[in-house]
Amino acid sequence: MRSARDRMLAGDLYDPLDPELSAARERARELCRALNETREADRDGRRRILQQLFGSGGDTVSMQPPFQCDYGSNIHLGAQVFFNFNCVVLDVCEVRIGDYTLFGPGVQILTPLHPFDAGRRRSQEFGKPVHIGTDVWIGGAALILAGVRIGDRAIIGAGSVVSRDVPDDVFAAGNPCRVIRRVHPPKP
């Protein structure tokens, strides 16, 4: 029988109150609390916490606390990712973020989903992974919803609600977020 964690990561219905999952969330919340209490000058302490928190990429991420996440271990970052103040990543499924991606303040990435059936919602949830490409810029207060893929070099306008995939090399904005125009990569 698969564990609740395995079902969660596969996007299947699972019990979020499973003891193993509860302990993993508690661990992440303690690491986030410690991170959020670090002083700006304590770069080494902050780095150690980020390396413990994230599944990968904690060694090069730049972070402006406060930051919150569900598990942290399901977040995989490329090189030189930047999170501005007040970002939230609910990572019940994997969140993969490419190199040199920038997040404005207050961005939220939300992988959890809940059943439409009220009875099931009382004891089960599920999720879908999020993939964000390389050199992406996510404007402040944007919401990135479960199952979304954002292409390389895309720009997401501030306050957008991204509920569907966004291709490479575009500026997209709004609620719901839609492509506004192409953004051509710079010529070498």
C-alpha atoms as a PDB file:
ATOM      1  CA  MET A   1       0.000   0.000   0.000  1.00  0.00           C
ATOM      2  CA  ARG A   2       1.348   3.435  -0.973  1.00  0.00           C
ATOM      3  CA  SER A   3       2.019   5.959   1.759  1.00  0.00           C
ATOM      4  CA  ALA A   4       0.020   9.173   2.061  1.00  0.00           C
ATOM      5  CA  ARG A   5       3.171  11.028   0.951  1.00  0.00           C
ATOM      6  CA  ASP A   6       3.433   8.903  -2.213  1.00  0.00           C
ATOM      7  CA  ARG A   7      -0.256   9.476  -2.992  1.00  0.00           C
ATOM      8  CA  MET A   8       0.153  13.215  -2.350  1.00  0.00           C
ATOM      9  CA  LEU A   9       3.140  13.571  -4.686  1.00  0.00           C
ATOM     10  CA  ALA A  10       1.365  11.505  -7.377  1.00  0.00           C
ATOM     11  CA  GLY A  11      -1.600  13.907  -7.317  1.00  0.00           C
ATOM     12  CA  ASP A  12      -3.984  11.294  -5.913  1.00  0.00           C
ATOM     13  CA  LEU A  13      -6.428  11.804  -3.048  1.00  0.00           C
ATOM     14  CA  TYR A  14      -4.662  11.544   0.313  1.00  0.00           C
ATOM     15  CA  ASP A  15      -5.264  12.255   3.995  1.00  0.00           C
ATOM     16  CA  PRO A  16      -3.507  15.552   4.878  1.00  0.00           C
ATOM     17  CA  LEU A  17      -3.691  14.656   8.582  1.00  0.00           C
ATOM     18  CA  ASP A  18      -1.493  11.577   8.103  1.00  0.00           C
ATOM     19  CA  PRO A  19       1.106  11.608  10.940  1.00  0.00           C
ATOM     20  CA  GLU A  20       4.108  11.474   8.561  1.00  0.00           C
ATOM     21  CA  LEU A  21       2.773  14.434   6.554  1.00  0.00           C
ATOM     22  CA  SER A  22       1.893  16.377   9.707  1.00  0.00           C
ATOM     23  CA  ALA A  23       5.447  15.912  11.001  1.00  0.00           C
ATOM     24  CA  ALA A  24       6.923  17.034   7.664  1.00  0.00           C
ATOM     25  CA  ARG A  25       4.761  20.196   7.688  1.00  0.00           C
ATOM     26  CA  GLU A  26       5.797  20.909  11.268  1.00  0.00           C
ATOM     27  CA  ARG A  27       9.463  20.589  10.255  1.00  0.00           C
ATOM     28  CA  ALA A  28       8.957  23.035   7.372  1.00  0.00           C
ATOM     29  CA  ARG A  29       7.105  25.523   9.580  1.00  0.00           C
ATOM     30  CA  GLU A  30       9.909  25.445  12.136  1.00  0.00           C
ATOM     31  CA  LEU A  31      12.493  26.037   9.397  1.00  0.00           C
ATOM     32  CA  CYS A  32      10.388  28.894   7.966  1.00  0.00           C
ATOM     33  CA  ARG A  33      10.043  30.408  11.440  1.00  0.00           C
ATOM     34  CA  ALA A  34      13.818  30.244  11.917  1.00  0.00           C
ATOM     35  CA  LEU A  35      14.383  31.700   8.430  1.00  0.00           C
ATOM     36  CA  ASN A  36      11.931  34.517   9.021  1.00  0.00           C
ATOM     37  CA  GLU A  37      13.675  35.443  12.280  1.00  0.00           C
ATOM     38  CA  THR A  38      17.158  35.691  10.748  1.00  0.00           C
ATOM     39  CA  ARG A  39      18.830  39.067  10.528  1.00  0.00           C
ATOM     40  CA  GLU A  40      19.850  40.360   7.114  1.00  0.00           C
ATOM     41  CA  ALA A  41      23.523  40.180   8.126  1.00  0.00           C
ATOM     42  CA  ASP A  42      23.243  36.476   9.081  1.00  0.00           C
ATOM     43  CA  ARG A  43      23.757  35.246   5.530  1.00  0.00           C
ATOM     44  CA  ASP A  44      25.445  32.000   6.597  1.00  0.00           C
ATOM     45  CA  GLY A  45      22.640  31.084   9.007  1.00  0.00           C
ATOM     46  CA  ARG A  46      20.006  31.915   6.394  1.00  0.00           C
ATOM     47  CA  ARG A  47      21.841  29.814   3.795  1.00  0.00           C
ATOM     48  CA  ARG A  48      21.987  26.790   6.136  1.00  0.00           C
ATOM     49  CA  ILE A  49      18.235  27.009   6.725  1.00  0.00           C
ATOM     50  CA  LEU A  50      17.476  27.331   2.998  1.00  0.00           C
ATOM     51  CA  GLN A  51      19.608  24.278   2.230  1.00  0.00           C
ATOM     52  CA  GLN A  52      17.676  22.274   4.836  1.00  0.00           C
ATOM     53  CA  LEU A  53      14.288  23.588   3.713  1.00  0.00           C
ATOM     54  CA  PHE A  54      14.303  23.096  -0.060  1.00  0.00           C
ATOM     55  CA  GLY A  55      14.474  19.798  -1.935  1.00  0.00           C
ATOM     56  CA  SER A  56      17.193  21.372  -4.094  1.00  0.00           C
ATOM     57  CA  GLY A  57      18.537  24.827  -4.896  1.00  0.00           C
ATOM     58  CA  GLY A  58      18.874  26.153  -1.367  1.00  0.00           C
ATOM     59  CA  ASP A  59      22.569  26.752  -1.952  1.00  0.00           C
ATOM     60  CA  THR A  60      22.028  29.602  -4.471  1.00  0.00           C
ATOM     61  CA  VAL A  61      18.520  30.954  -3.811  1.00  0.00           C
ATOM     62  CA  SER A  62      18.166  34.566  -2.655  1.00  0.00           C
ATOM     63  CA  MET A  63      15.358  35.075  -0.166  1.00  0.00           C
ATOM     64  CA  GLN A  64      13.784  38.129   1.442  1.00  0.00           C
ATOM     65  CA  PRO A  65      11.831  36.779   4.414  1.00  0.00           C
ATOM     66  CA  PRO A  66       9.133  36.275   5.419  1.00  0.00           C
ATOM     67  CA  PHE A  67       8.540  33.087   3.449  1.00  0.00           C
ATOM     68  CA  GLN A  68       6.100  30.232   4.092  1.00  0.00           C
ATOM     69  CA  CYS A  69       5.684  26.765   2.590  1.00  0.00           C
ATOM     70  CA  ASP A  70       3.967  23.461   3.370  1.00  0.00           C
ATOM     71  CA  TYR A  71       6.872  21.019   3.065  1.00  0.00           C
ATOM     72  CA  GLY A  72       9.818  22.738   1.348  1.00  0.00           C
ATOM     73  CA  SER A  73      11.243  19.362   0.328  1.00  0.00           C
ATOM     74  CA  ASN A  74       8.951  19.359  -2.739  1.00  0.00           C
ATOM     75  CA  ILE A  75      10.397  22.670  -3.984  1.00  0.00           C
ATOM     76  CA  HIS A  76      13.248  22.309  -6.480  1.00  0.00           C
ATOM     77  CA  LEU A  77      15.045  25.474  -7.568  1.00  0.00           C
ATOM     78  CA  GLY A  78      17.476  26.170 -10.364  1.00  0.00           C
ATOM     79  CA  ALA A  79      20.456  28.457  -9.878  1.00  0.00           C
ATOM     80  CA  GLN A  80      20.044  32.023  -8.608  1.00  0.00           C
ATOM     81  CA  VAL A  81      16.274  32.041  -8.012  1.00  0.00           C
ATOM     82  CA  PHE A  82      15.060  35.156  -6.124  1.00  0.00           C
ATOM     83  CA  PHE A  83      12.033  35.419  -3.803  1.00  0.00           C
ATOM     84  CA  ASN A  84      11.017  38.874  -2.603  1.00  0.00           C
ATOM     85  CA  PHE A  85       9.133  39.504   0.671  1.00  0.00           C
ATOM     86  CA  ASN A  86       5.993  37.565   1.697  1.00  0.00           C
ATOM     87  CA  CYS A  87       6.059  34.711  -0.821  1.00  0.00           C
ATOM     88  CA  VAL A  88       4.083  31.522  -0.104  1.00  0.00           C
ATOM     89  CA  VAL A  89       4.597  28.129  -1.774  1.00  0.00           C
ATOM     90  CA  LEU A  90       2.098  25.396  -0.879  1.00  0.00           C
ATOM     91  CA  ASP A  91       4.040  22.406  -2.164  1.00  0.00           C
ATOM     92  CA  VAL A  92       1.874  19.314  -1.690  1.00  0.00           C
ATOM     93  CA  CYS A  93       3.082  18.406  -5.193  1.00  0.00           C
ATOM     94  CA  GLU A  94       6.423  19.262  -6.743  1.00  0.00           C
ATOM     95  CA  VAL A  95       7.214  22.851  -7.601  1.00  0.00           C
ATOM     96  CA  ARG A  96      10.086  23.124 -10.090  1.00  0.00           C
ATOM     97  CA  ILE A  97      11.558  26.541 -10.819  1.00  0.00           C
ATOM     98  CA  GLY A  98      14.238  27.217 -13.447  1.00  0.00           C
ATOM     99  CA  ASP A  99      17.449  29.213 -13.214  1.00  0.00           C
ATOM    100  CA  TYR A 100      17.399  32.999 -12.722  1.00  0.00           C
ATOM    101  CA  THR A 101      13.661  33.204 -12.070  1.00  0.00           C
ATOM    102  CA  LEU A 102      12.455  36.224 -10.057  1.00  0.00           C
ATOM    103  CA  PHE A 103       9.412  36.438  -7.775  1.00  0.00           C
ATOM    104  CA  GLY A 104       7.990  39.797  -6.748  1.00  0.00           C
ATOM    105  CA  PRO A 105       6.617  40.383  -3.254  1.00  0.00           C
ATOM    106  CA  GLY A 106       3.549  38.466  -2.168  1.00  0.00           C
ATOM    107  CA  VAL A 107       3.618  35.829  -4.919  1.00  0.00           C
ATOM    108  CA  GLN A 108       1.789  32.607  -4.073  1.00  0.00           C
ATOM    109  CA  ILE A 109       2.272  29.207  -5.707  1.00  0.00           C
ATOM    110  CA  LEU A 110      -0.578  26.876  -4.772  1.00  0.00           C
ATOM    111  CA  THR A 111      -0.436  23.180  -5.696  1.00  0.00           C
ATOM    112  CA  PRO A 112      -3.252  21.816  -3.437  1.00  0.00           C
ATOM    113  CA  LEU A 113      -6.752  21.121  -4.720  1.00  0.00           C
ATOM    114  CA  HIS A 114      -9.858  19.941  -2.912  1.00  0.00           C
ATOM    115  CA  PRO A 115     -12.631  17.558  -4.048  1.00  0.00           C
ATOM    116  CA  PHE A 116     -15.948  19.063  -5.135  1.00  0.00           C
ATOM    117  CA  ASP A 117     -17.706  16.502  -2.924  1.00  0.00           C
ATOM    118  CA  ALA A 118     -18.130  18.117   0.518  1.00  0.00           C
ATOM    119  CA  GLY A 119     -17.855  14.801   2.369  1.00  0.00           C
ATOM    120  CA  ARG A 120     -14.504  14.004   0.786  1.00  0.00           C
ATOM    121  CA  ARG A 121     -13.218  17.553   1.441  1.00  0.00           C
ATOM    122  CA  ARG A 122     -13.470  16.848   5.166  1.00  0.00           C
ATOM    123  CA  SER A 123     -10.714  14.240   5.062  1.00  0.00           C
ATOM    124  CA  GLN A 124      -8.982  14.262   1.668  1.00  0.00           C
ATOM    125  CA  GLU A 125      -7.253  16.565  -0.755  1.00  0.00           C
ATOM    126  CA  PHE A 126      -5.048  16.226  -3.819  1.00  0.00           C
ATOM    127  CA  GLY A 127      -2.778  18.426  -5.881  1.00  0.00           C
ATOM    128  CA  LYS A 128      -1.066  19.072  -9.182  1.00  0.00           C
ATOM    129  CA  PRO A 129       2.573  20.084  -9.707  1.00  0.00           C
ATOM    130  CA  VAL A 130       3.716  23.512 -10.910  1.00  0.00           C
ATOM    131  CA  HIS A 131       6.605  24.050 -13.326  1.00  0.00           C
ATOM    132  CA  ILE A 132       8.120  27.502 -13.885  1.00  0.00           C
ATOM    133  CA  GLY A 133      10.823  27.866 -16.518  1.00  0.00           C
ATOM    134  CA  THR A 134      14.156  29.667 -16.671  1.00  0.00           C
ATOM    135  CA  ASP A 135      14.531  33.470 -16.610  1.00  0.00           C
ATOM    136  CA  VAL A 136      10.868  33.985 -15.674  1.00  0.00           C
ATOM    137  CA  TRP A 137       9.729  37.155 -13.888  1.00  0.00           C
ATOM    138  CA  ILE A 138       6.590  36.844 -11.744  1.00  0.00           C
ATOM    139  CA  GLY A 139       5.163  40.230 -10.714  1.00  0.00           C
ATOM    140  CA  GLY A 140       4.101  41.020  -7.171  1.00  0.00           C
ATOM    141  CA  ALA A 141       0.982  39.406  -5.694  1.00  0.00           C
ATOM    142  CA  ALA A 142       0.533  36.980  -8.604  1.00  0.00           C
ATOM    143  CA  LEU A 143      -1.170  33.658  -7.876  1.00  0.00           C
ATOM    144  CA  ILE A 144       0.168  30.571  -9.646  1.00  0.00           C
ATOM    145  CA  LEU A 145      -2.430  27.801  -9.395  1.00  0.00           C
ATOM    146  CA  ALA A 146      -2.130  24.007  -9.347  1.00  0.00           C
ATOM    147  CA  GLY A 147      -1.058  22.233 -12.528  1.00  0.00           C
ATOM    148  CA  VAL A 148       0.288  25.328 -14.305  1.00  0.00           C
ATOM    149  CA  ARG A 149       3.401  25.401 -16.494  1.00  0.00           C
ATOM    150  CA  ILE A 150       5.036  28.764 -17.201  1.00  0.00           C
ATOM    151  CA  GLY A 151       7.484  28.814 -20.093  1.00  0.00           C
ATOM    152  CA  ASP A 152      11.039  30.131 -20.237  1.00  0.00           C
ATOM    153  CA  ARG A 153      11.535  33.909 -20.270  1.00  0.00           C
ATOM    154  CA  ALA A 154       7.825  34.566 -19.640  1.00  0.00           C
ATOM    155  CA  ILE A 155       6.776  37.641 -17.679  1.00  0.00           C
ATOM    156  CA  ILE A 156       3.674  37.457 -15.476  1.00  0.00           C
ATOM    157  CA  GLY A 157       2.064  40.801 -14.608  1.00  0.00           C
ATOM    158  CA  ALA A 158       1.549  41.843 -11.007  1.00  0.00           C
ATOM    159  CA  GLY A 159      -1.700  40.619  -9.462  1.00  0.00           C
ATOM    160  CA  SER A 160      -2.331  38.023 -12.165  1.00  0.00           C
ATOM    161  CA  VAL A 161      -4.136  34.763 -11.453  1.00  0.00           C
ATOM    162  CA  VAL A 162      -2.378  32.100 -13.524  1.00  0.00           C
ATOM    163  CA  SER A 163      -4.835  29.223 -13.935  1.00  0.00           C
ATOM    164  CA  ARG A 164      -3.576  27.814 -17.259  1.00  0.00           C
ATOM    165  CA  ASP A 165      -0.251  27.272 -18.985  1.00  0.00           C
ATOM    166  CA  VAL A 166       1.778  30.224 -20.258  1.00  0.00           C
ATOM    167  CA  PRO A 167       4.152  29.671 -23.231  1.00  0.00           C
ATOM    168  CA  ASP A 168       7.787  30.765 -23.584  1.00  0.00           C
ATOM    169  CA  ASP A 169       8.688  34.385 -24.398  1.00  0.00           C
ATOM    170  CA  VAL A 170       5.400  36.130 -23.608  1.00  0.00           C
ATOM    171  CA  PHE A 171       4.066  38.821 -21.314  1.00  0.00           C
ATOM    172  CA  ALA A 172       0.868  37.530 -19.701  1.00  0.00           C
ATOM    173  CA  ALA A 173      -1.372  39.264 -17.177  1.00  0.00           C
ATOM    174  CA  GLY A 174      -4.857  39.529 -15.742  1.00  0.00           C
ATOM    175  CA  ASN A 175      -7.503  37.464 -13.992  1.00  0.00           C
ATOM    176  CA  PRO A 176      -7.580  35.006 -15.523  1.00  0.00           C
ATOM    177  CA  CYS A 177      -4.044  35.481 -16.791  1.00  0.00           C
ATOM    178  CA  ARG A 178      -3.814  35.578 -20.586  1.00  0.00           C
ATOM    179  CA  VAL A 179      -1.084  36.311 -23.101  1.00  0.00           C
ATOM    180  CA  ILE A 180      -0.879  40.024 -23.848  1.00  0.00           C
ATOM    181  CA  ARG A 181       2.035  39.979 -26.306  1.00  0.00           C
ATOM    182  CA  ARG A 182       5.205  38.147 -27.335  1.00  0.00           C
ATOM    183  CA  VAL A 183       8.484  39.137 -25.729  1.00  0.00           C
ATOM    184  CA  HIS A 184      11.343  38.370 -28.052  1.00  0.00           C
ATOM    185  CA  PRO A 185      14.557  37.212 -26.425  1.00  0.00           C
ATOM    186  CA  PRO A 186      17.505  39.601 -26.863  1.00  0.00           C
ATOM    187  CA  LYS A 187      19.726  39.006 -29.864  1.00  0.00           C
ATOM    188  CA  PRO A 188      23.257  37.827 -29.065  1.00  0.00           C
END
